[in-house]
Structure formats: C-alpha cells, structure tokens
Amino acid sequence: MTKKTMRRGAVGAISVALLGGALAMTPAQADEPTFAVTASDSSVAVGDEVTVTVAAENVQDVFAYELALDFDPAVLAYEADSASTDVTGSTYASVQGDDLVVLHTKLGTSPAAEGDVSLVSATFTARKAGTAALAVPSLKLVGTDGEARTVEVEGASVAVDRIAAPTAVTAPKISGSAQVGKVLAVSPGTWSVKGVSTRVQWLRNGKAIAGATRSTYRLTPADFKASVSARVTATKADHADGTAVAKAIRVTRKAVSRTGVKVPGSVKAKAAFKARVSVKAPGVSPKGSIRVYAGGRLVKKNVKVKDGSATVWLRVAKKGRSAVRFVYVPQSGVEGSSRLVKLRVR
C-alpha cells in the first residue's frame, strides 16, 4: 500500500496543547507496544456493515495521536460520524480521498493513555464485491512532553461477496408441442428477489444448444428422441446469479413433410426431361434424398435434397401414359412422403 501524506502541521497543532512531562516508556521493563488494524468480519456481503478498528496494545504515555486509515471507497463506504475511540479527549475524524483521517488529543491535565486502547473504531458499509485492503500508512503518537514518534501498524483486509443468489419461487415451465419444427416457449418463473433480469439457455440432453438463448426455441431434427429443457438464470446487481431448470420434455413426433413435383405437360419418348422436386416441412429445411419409381420399378435413387429441393433427370421409353412416383427419403426427425405424377409421353 502506498504511504499517504498526513496533513502537515496537525501534530504540531496538537502538541501546543500538551502538558510538559517525560515519556514514560521503559522498554526493558514493559512489553513492546503493537498496533494493528482489525475488522469485525473478514468477509461480508454487499450491503452489510463492518466495524474497522485501529487498536494498540501495551502503549504508554499517549496524550495525542494522528492517523490515516486507508480504505477502498469503491468497495467500502464510511458511515458519517461513526468514528469513535475509548481514549478520553477530543476526536476529529474526516474522510480525505481514500483515507479516514483521525486526530485525537486529551485535554488539560488529563492523564495519558496507557495499556490496551482502541485508537479509532469506524463503521463502513460494503458497497461493491471485491477485496478492500485496510492500512494505516502512518500513525503518529505524541507524549506528554510534546514529542512525536511514528510507529508501524499491521494492516488487514475485508472480502466483500455478492449477496446470496435469488432462488426460484415458481419454477420455469416449458409450453408447446414436442414435435420437430414446432416452437417451444419457456416462462421465466418467479424469484425470491424482486427486480431480477433473466436469461435463457436451451438444453438438449442436459447440454447447451448453441445459439438457443431466447425465450422461444424451434425444435430441429437434432432434437428428435432427445430431452429438451431450458435453464433460466436470474441476475441482479451485487447478487450472485440464481438458476433454475425447467422440466424437460421428450421430442417424440417427427415433422410432417409434403413432396411436390413439377414436370413438363408432355415429354418425348426416350428424351431426357427434368423434374423439379420440392419437399416442405413446417419449421424445417428438409434434407435427405429422392427415389423415383416408374411402373413399380426403381429408376433413380439417392438424388440429394438440399434446402428442400432436388432436380431429377428422367427418360420414358414408351409412348402413352406413364405413372412416376417420387419418394422423399427423409433425414432423422422428419417423416417421409411421396407424390405420384402421370406423364403424357408422345
């Protein structure tokens, strides 16, 4: 911690009011004095209060003192007029930057402080999660003879945690049809803390589905035979995140497909012609392949369907009427379908 510059002249001003006398310290006969910063709790939550004390043990002949308690104002906020001491006399405390500056002096012929004393105790409120270091870069003691000396003070710290996470009072719930291509929706639920914001992550068999972070989700072929649920996370400033998972549904129904075919009004025998095949399924961009049957015989297979469409080239040998069936062989999660087309062959 960088040492702070104390207000110049403060000790001198105090010293003028001091009585004459000798510093009553005999180190050879008494325990060495110690000075330390302590906190009433080493860990608190945002919004909690914590008492910080600068204490001294085994001191002798302390008539006045000046100290600056260094703290992080982003993490801790000093409660005005909360600074106090068990040393009799007059105390002056004020916040200067990130220091709580304390000046104290006894009055008149009051005896000097001795033994174990609290130089200052002050109340702070935790305002933000983090760790606040507490230090006294300089502590000046003045004896009854008016002489000042500076001593070292052991520092401390306070960890400020976020407030406990909100919990779900009413669990999130999924609504909608468990069919590929259909849209599911999840309610946010209700929470133990008011004013939370919520975000959603849809899950497939317990694992996050990439990009599925809205309150609605359209089931895809990849969800067929899977368990789909949604995790709702509740957030609020200075609180830990709360989570709840909606009861999963199992996707048991395939998307229904329809196959359509466009062919010329008539075709020439033995001449190649083009058939355009379209496959539609609500909420799905169908993939798979097309098989073609003419007269009950397989004449084309494995014609790839891309984005719901395919092109098939065919020939019919005989003139007259010919029935051709186009069969959609679907991907997983989509039902197959077919279309019978009657051709006039000239």
Protein backbone atom coordinates (compact mmCIF):
# COMPACT_ATOMS: atom_id res chain seq x y z
CA MET A 1 0.00 0.00 0.00
CA THR A 2 1.47 3.40 -0.96
CA LYS A 3 2.10 5.61 2.08
CA LYS A 4 -0.25 8.55 2.37
CA THR A 5 0.99 12.05 3.20
CA MET A 6 -0.56 13.16 6.50
CA ARG A 7 -1.85 16.64 6.93
CA ARG A 8 1.10 18.85 7.72
CA GLY A 9 1.09 20.67 10.98
CA ALA A 10 -1.62 18.53 12.60
CA VAL A 11 0.72 17.04 15.16
CA GLY A 12 2.29 20.43 15.81
CA ALA A 13 -1.11 21.95 16.49
CA ILE A 14 -1.90 19.15 18.90
CA SER A 15 1.50 19.43 20.59
CA VAL A 16 0.91 23.06 21.63
CA ALA A 17 -1.93 21.89 23.85
CA LEU A 18 0.09 19.19 25.54
CA LEU A 19 1.37 19.34 29.10
CA GLY A 20 5.07 19.02 29.79
CA GLY A 21 6.46 15.78 31.16
CA ALA A 22 8.64 12.86 30.33
CA LEU A 23 7.76 9.97 28.04
CA ALA A 24 7.03 7.17 30.48
CA MET A 25 8.34 4.26 28.44
CA THR A 26 10.79 1.78 29.84
CA PRO A 27 11.14 -0.89 27.09
CA ALA A 28 13.39 -3.00 29.21
CA GLN A 29 10.63 -3.32 31.83
CA ALA A 30 7.47 -3.46 29.63
CA ASP A 31 6.24 -5.40 26.64
CA GLU A 32 6.77 -3.71 23.30
CA PRO A 33 3.67 -1.86 22.06
CA THR A 34 1.91 -3.24 18.98
CA PHE A 35 -0.52 -1.60 16.59
CA ALA A 36 -2.93 -3.35 14.21
CA VAL A 37 -6.00 -2.84 12.07
CA THR A 38 -8.80 -5.35 12.67
CA ALA A 39 -12.24 -5.87 11.14
CA SER A 40 -15.33 -7.22 12.88
CA ASP A 41 -15.75 -9.65 9.96
CA SER A 42 -13.18 -10.75 7.43
CA SER A 43 -15.92 -11.46 4.88
CA VAL A 44 -19.22 -9.64 4.39
CA ALA A 45 -21.84 -9.31 1.67
CA VAL A 46 -22.74 -6.20 -0.28
CA GLY A 47 -24.95 -4.02 1.92
CA ASP A 48 -23.55 -5.36 5.20
CA GLU A 49 -21.83 -3.19 7.77
CA VAL A 50 -18.36 -3.90 9.13
CA THR A 51 -16.56 -2.22 12.01
CA VAL A 52 -12.89 -1.42 11.45
CA THR A 53 -10.70 -0.76 14.47
CA VAL A 54 -7.17 0.54 14.84
CA ALA A 55 -6.04 -0.91 18.16
CA ALA A 56 -2.93 -0.51 20.27
CA GLU A 57 -1.55 -2.81 22.95
CA ASN A 58 0.97 -2.09 25.72
CA VAL A 59 1.21 1.63 24.98
CA GLN A 60 2.45 4.21 27.49
CA ASP A 61 2.20 7.97 27.67
CA VAL A 62 -0.05 8.61 24.66
CA PHE A 63 -1.50 12.11 25.00
CA ALA A 64 -2.42 12.69 21.35
CA TYR A 65 -2.22 10.90 18.04
CA GLU A 66 -2.85 11.33 14.34
CA LEU A 67 -3.57 8.55 11.87
CA ALA A 68 -4.95 7.95 8.39
CA LEU A 69 -6.91 4.76 7.84
CA ASP A 70 -6.57 3.89 4.16
CA PHE A 71 -9.55 2.06 2.56
CA ASP A 72 -11.00 1.48 -0.91
CA PRO A 73 -14.03 3.80 -1.35
CA ALA A 74 -15.17 1.78 -4.35
CA VAL A 75 -15.68 -1.25 -2.09
CA LEU A 76 -16.39 0.31 1.31
CA ALA A 77 -18.31 3.45 2.24
CA TYR A 78 -17.60 5.21 5.53
CA GLU A 79 -20.68 5.85 7.66
CA ALA A 80 -20.57 9.51 8.62
CA ASP A 81 -19.87 10.34 12.28
CA SER A 82 -19.31 6.69 13.17
CA ALA A 83 -15.66 7.10 14.22
CA SER A 84 -15.11 6.76 17.96
CA THR A 85 -12.41 5.85 20.48
CA ASP A 86 -12.26 4.64 24.06
CA VAL A 87 -9.49 7.14 24.75
CA THR A 88 -10.85 10.18 26.61
CA GLY A 89 -10.44 13.56 24.99
CA SER A 90 -11.48 15.17 21.73
CA THR A 91 -11.61 13.29 18.42
CA TYR A 92 -11.79 14.82 14.95
CA ALA A 93 -12.45 12.48 12.00
CA SER A 94 -12.97 13.24 8.32
CA VAL A 95 -12.68 11.43 5.00
CA GLN A 96 -9.98 12.83 2.75
CA GLY A 97 -9.80 10.97 -0.56
CA ASP A 98 -9.46 7.31 0.31
CA ASP A 99 -8.31 7.99 3.89
CA LEU A 100 -10.24 8.33 7.12
CA VAL A 101 -8.08 10.91 8.91
CA VAL A 102 -8.34 10.89 12.70
CA LEU A 103 -6.89 13.49 15.10
CA HIS A 104 -7.23 12.94 18.84
CA THR A 105 -5.94 14.82 21.87
CA LYS A 106 -6.50 14.70 25.57
CA LEU A 107 -7.34 17.93 27.34
CA GLY A 108 -5.71 19.92 30.12
CA THR A 109 -4.21 17.79 32.84
CA SER A 110 -5.88 14.56 31.70
CA PRO A 111 -3.61 11.55 32.20
CA ALA A 112 -2.02 9.99 29.13
CA ALA A 113 -3.44 6.75 27.73
CA GLU A 114 -1.72 3.55 28.69
CA GLY A 115 -2.15 -0.19 28.15
CA ASP A 116 -4.52 -1.59 25.54
CA VAL A 117 -6.65 1.02 23.77
CA SER A 118 -8.78 1.48 20.69
CA LEU A 119 -7.41 4.44 18.79
CA VAL A 120 -10.43 4.52 16.48
CA SER A 121 -13.38 2.32 15.56
CA ALA A 122 -15.39 3.23 12.47
CA THR A 123 -18.32 1.69 10.65
CA PHE A 124 -18.23 1.02 6.90
CA THR A 125 -20.89 -0.33 4.55
CA ALA A 126 -19.92 -2.79 1.84
CA ARG A 127 -20.96 -1.25 -1.46
CA LYS A 128 -19.40 -3.50 -4.10
CA ALA A 129 -17.97 -7.01 -4.36
CA GLY A 130 -14.20 -7.15 -4.07
CA THR A 131 -11.40 -7.10 -1.53
CA ALA A 132 -10.71 -3.93 0.42
CA ALA A 133 -7.25 -3.53 1.91
CA LEU A 134 -7.17 -1.65 5.22
CA ALA A 135 -3.93 0.03 6.18
CA VAL A 136 -2.53 2.84 8.29
CA PRO A 137 0.46 4.19 6.35
CA SER A 138 1.37 6.49 9.22
CA LEU A 139 0.46 6.65 12.89
CA LYS A 140 1.98 9.48 14.92
CA LEU A 141 1.90 9.37 18.71
CA VAL A 142 2.54 12.40 20.91
CA GLY A 143 3.64 12.04 24.52
CA THR A 144 3.09 14.40 27.42
CA ASP A 145 6.43 16.01 26.64
CA GLY A 146 5.15 17.12 23.23
CA GLU A 147 7.49 14.87 21.29
CA ALA A 148 6.04 12.83 18.42
CA ARG A 149 7.08 9.49 17.06
CA THR A 150 5.83 7.41 14.14
CA VAL A 151 5.02 3.72 14.53
CA GLU A 152 4.13 0.95 12.11
CA VAL A 153 0.66 -0.58 12.02
CA GLU A 154 -0.23 -4.07 10.86
CA GLY A 155 -2.91 -3.93 8.16
CA ALA A 156 -5.94 -6.09 7.40
CA SER A 157 -8.46 -6.68 4.62
CA VAL A 158 -12.15 -7.32 4.17
CA ALA A 159 -13.58 -9.52 1.42
CA VAL A 160 -16.93 -8.34 0.11
CA ASP A 161 -19.04 -11.03 -1.51
CA ARG A 162 -22.09 -10.66 -3.68
CA ILE A 163 -25.47 -11.02 -1.99
CA ALA A 164 -26.86 -14.56 -1.96
CA ALA A 165 -28.36 -15.69 -5.26
CA PRO A 166 -32.11 -15.37 -5.83
CA THR A 167 -34.00 -18.66 -5.78
CA ALA A 168 -36.93 -19.74 -7.92
CA VAL A 169 -40.25 -19.49 -6.08
CA THR A 170 -42.10 -20.78 -9.13
CA ALA A 171 -40.01 -22.91 -11.48
CA PRO A 172 -39.72 -22.01 -15.18
CA LYS A 173 -42.12 -24.03 -17.35
CA ILE A 174 -41.98 -25.14 -20.98
CA SER A 175 -45.06 -24.97 -23.20
CA GLY A 176 -45.63 -26.09 -26.78
CA SER A 177 -45.81 -29.26 -28.87
CA ALA A 178 -42.99 -31.80 -28.64
CA GLN A 179 -42.76 -32.15 -32.42
CA VAL A 180 -39.84 -31.35 -34.68
CA GLY A 181 -40.44 -27.99 -36.34
CA LYS A 182 -42.74 -26.70 -33.62
CA VAL A 183 -41.88 -23.79 -31.32
CA LEU A 184 -41.45 -24.20 -27.57
CA ALA A 185 -41.61 -21.34 -25.07
CA VAL A 186 -40.33 -21.15 -21.51
CA SER A 187 -41.69 -18.93 -18.76
CA PRO A 188 -39.11 -17.11 -16.60
CA GLY A 189 -40.60 -18.34 -13.33
CA THR A 190 -40.84 -16.15 -10.25
CA TRP A 191 -37.93 -15.37 -7.97
CA SER A 192 -37.26 -14.64 -4.31
CA VAL A 193 -35.69 -11.27 -5.14
CA LYS A 194 -37.64 -8.52 -6.88
CA GLY A 195 -36.34 -6.79 -9.98
CA VAL A 196 -34.22 -9.61 -11.40
CA SER A 197 -33.34 -9.89 -15.07
CA THR A 198 -33.45 -13.32 -16.65
CA ARG A 199 -31.65 -15.03 -19.49
CA VAL A 200 -32.35 -18.40 -21.08
CA GLN A 201 -30.23 -21.27 -22.34
CA TRP A 202 -31.99 -24.19 -24.03
CA LEU A 203 -30.58 -27.64 -23.34
CA ARG A 204 -30.57 -30.89 -25.29
CA ASN A 205 -30.00 -33.90 -23.07
CA GLY A 206 -28.61 -31.51 -20.46
CA LYS A 207 -26.11 -29.80 -22.77
CA ALA A 208 -26.35 -26.24 -24.08
CA ILE A 209 -27.74 -25.82 -27.60
CA ALA A 210 -25.56 -23.32 -29.46
CA GLY A 211 -27.34 -20.03 -30.12
CA ALA A 212 -30.57 -21.09 -28.36
CA THR A 213 -30.81 -18.24 -25.84
CA ARG A 214 -34.24 -16.74 -26.43
CA SER A 215 -37.41 -17.46 -24.52
CA THR A 216 -38.66 -19.45 -27.54
CA TYR A 217 -36.99 -22.30 -29.38
CA ARG A 218 -37.93 -24.11 -32.60
CA LEU A 219 -37.30 -27.84 -32.40
CA THR A 220 -34.92 -29.18 -35.04
CA PRO A 221 -34.36 -32.69 -36.40
CA ALA A 222 -31.41 -32.97 -34.00
CA ASP A 223 -33.89 -32.82 -31.11
CA PHE A 224 -35.84 -35.91 -32.21
CA LYS A 225 -35.88 -38.52 -29.43
CA ALA A 226 -33.94 -36.11 -27.17
CA SER A 227 -34.94 -34.45 -23.90
CA VAL A 228 -35.18 -30.69 -24.29
CA SER A 229 -35.22 -28.31 -21.34
CA ALA A 230 -34.30 -24.70 -20.57
CA ARG A 231 -32.09 -23.19 -17.89
CA VAL A 232 -33.18 -19.77 -16.67
CA THR A 233 -30.61 -17.58 -14.93
CA ALA A 234 -31.76 -14.70 -12.73
CA THR A 235 -29.37 -11.78 -12.30
CA LYS A 236 -29.36 -8.61 -10.25
CA ALA A 237 -26.63 -6.13 -9.42
CA ASP A 238 -24.49 -7.14 -6.42
CA HIS A 239 -26.17 -10.56 -6.24
CA ALA A 240 -24.82 -13.96 -7.16
CA ASP A 241 -26.64 -15.49 -10.14
CA GLY A 242 -29.58 -17.78 -9.45
CA THR A 243 -30.51 -20.63 -11.79
CA ALA A 244 -33.46 -22.95 -12.28
CA VAL A 245 -34.06 -25.60 -14.96
CA ALA A 246 -37.50 -26.22 -16.43
CA LYS A 247 -38.81 -29.77 -16.51
CA ALA A 248 -37.63 -31.41 -19.74
CA ILE A 249 -39.89 -32.67 -22.50
CA ARG A 250 -39.07 -35.59 -24.79
CA VAL A 251 -39.42 -34.90 -28.50
CA THR A 252 -41.31 -37.91 -29.86
CA ARG A 253 -43.01 -36.64 -33.01
CA LYS A 254 -41.39 -36.10 -36.39
CA ALA A 255 -42.02 -33.12 -38.63
CA VAL A 256 -44.63 -33.84 -41.32
CA SER A 257 -43.33 -33.44 -44.88
CA ARG A 258 -45.07 -32.84 -48.20
CA THR A 259 -43.49 -33.65 -51.55
CA GLY A 260 -44.32 -31.69 -54.69
CA VAL A 261 -43.18 -32.33 -58.29
CA LYS A 262 -43.16 -30.13 -61.39
CA VAL A 263 -42.77 -31.80 -64.81
CA PRO A 264 -43.47 -30.71 -68.41
CA GLY A 265 -47.05 -31.12 -69.67
CA SER A 266 -45.82 -33.77 -72.10
CA VAL A 267 -42.49 -35.42 -72.86
CA LYS A 268 -40.97 -37.16 -75.83
CA ALA A 269 -40.31 -40.86 -75.61
CA LYS A 270 -36.67 -41.68 -74.85
CA ALA A 271 -35.84 -37.96 -74.47
CA ALA A 272 -34.44 -36.67 -71.19
CA PHE A 273 -36.64 -34.30 -69.23
CA LYS A 274 -36.27 -32.53 -65.93
CA ALA A 275 -38.46 -32.95 -62.88
CA ARG A 276 -38.24 -30.40 -60.09
CA VAL A 277 -38.96 -31.85 -56.67
CA SER A 278 -39.76 -29.76 -53.60
CA VAL A 279 -40.07 -31.03 -50.05
CA LYS A 280 -41.66 -28.93 -47.35
CA ALA A 281 -41.92 -29.50 -43.60
CA PRO A 282 -43.13 -26.79 -41.18
CA GLY A 283 -40.22 -25.20 -39.36
CA VAL A 284 -37.62 -27.42 -41.02
CA SER A 285 -35.36 -27.11 -44.06
CA PRO A 286 -35.62 -30.73 -45.26
CA LYS A 287 -32.61 -32.81 -46.21
CA GLY A 288 -32.42 -36.37 -47.44
CA SER A 289 -32.77 -37.91 -50.89
CA ILE A 290 -35.27 -38.71 -53.65
CA ARG A 291 -36.05 -42.08 -55.17
CA VAL A 292 -38.07 -42.42 -58.39
CA TYR A 293 -40.23 -45.40 -59.36
CA ALA A 294 -41.74 -45.96 -62.82
CA GLY A 295 -44.08 -48.88 -63.36
CA GLY A 296 -43.21 -50.12 -59.89
CA ARG A 297 -39.51 -50.29 -60.75
CA LEU A 298 -36.78 -48.15 -59.14
CA VAL A 299 -35.29 -45.97 -61.86
CA LYS A 300 -33.46 -43.30 -59.80
CA LYS A 301 -32.09 -43.24 -56.28
CA ASN A 302 -30.01 -41.10 -53.94
CA VAL A 303 -30.82 -37.80 -55.60
CA LYS A 304 -29.78 -35.33 -52.92
CA VAL A 305 -32.32 -32.97 -51.41
CA LYS A 306 -30.79 -29.64 -50.42
CA ASP A 307 -32.78 -26.93 -48.64
CA GLY A 308 -35.96 -28.76 -49.55
CA SER A 309 -35.41 -29.12 -53.30
CA ALA A 310 -33.91 -31.54 -55.82
CA THR A 311 -33.65 -31.87 -59.59
CA VAL A 312 -34.16 -35.27 -61.26
CA TRP A 313 -33.42 -36.10 -64.93
CA LEU A 314 -35.53 -38.93 -66.41
CA ARG A 315 -36.36 -40.75 -69.66
CA VAL A 316 -39.51 -42.68 -70.56
CA ALA A 317 -39.18 -45.27 -73.30
CA LYS A 318 -42.80 -45.91 -74.34
CA LYS A 319 -45.37 -43.51 -75.70
CA GLY A 320 -48.69 -43.13 -73.98
CA ARG A 321 -49.48 -42.59 -70.33
CA SER A 322 -46.84 -43.28 -67.66
CA ALA A 323 -47.13 -43.06 -63.86
CA VAL A 324 -43.99 -41.99 -62.00
CA ARG A 325 -43.73 -41.86 -58.19
CA PHE A 326 -41.25 -39.58 -56.44
CA VAL A 327 -40.41 -40.72 -52.90
CA TYR A 328 -38.72 -38.50 -50.32
CA VAL A 329 -36.35 -40.45 -48.07
CA PRO A 330 -36.01 -38.14 -45.07
CA GLN A 331 -33.37 -37.24 -42.57
CA SER A 332 -33.89 -38.21 -38.92
CA GLY A 333 -36.77 -36.39 -37.28
CA VAL A 334 -38.78 -35.83 -40.47
CA GLU A 335 -41.46 -38.09 -41.88
CA GLY A 336 -41.15 -39.33 -45.46
CA SER A 337 -43.65 -38.51 -48.19
CA SER A 338 -44.23 -39.11 -51.90
CA ARG A 339 -46.02 -37.78 -54.96
CA LEU A 340 -47.40 -39.69 -57.95
CA VAL A 341 -47.13 -37.91 -61.30
CA LYS A 342 -48.84 -39.05 -64.52
CA LEU A 343 -46.95 -38.21 -67.70
CA ARG A 344 -48.17 -37.95 -71.29
CA VAL A 345 -45.43 -39.43 -73.49
CA ARG A 346 -45.60 -38.63 -77.18
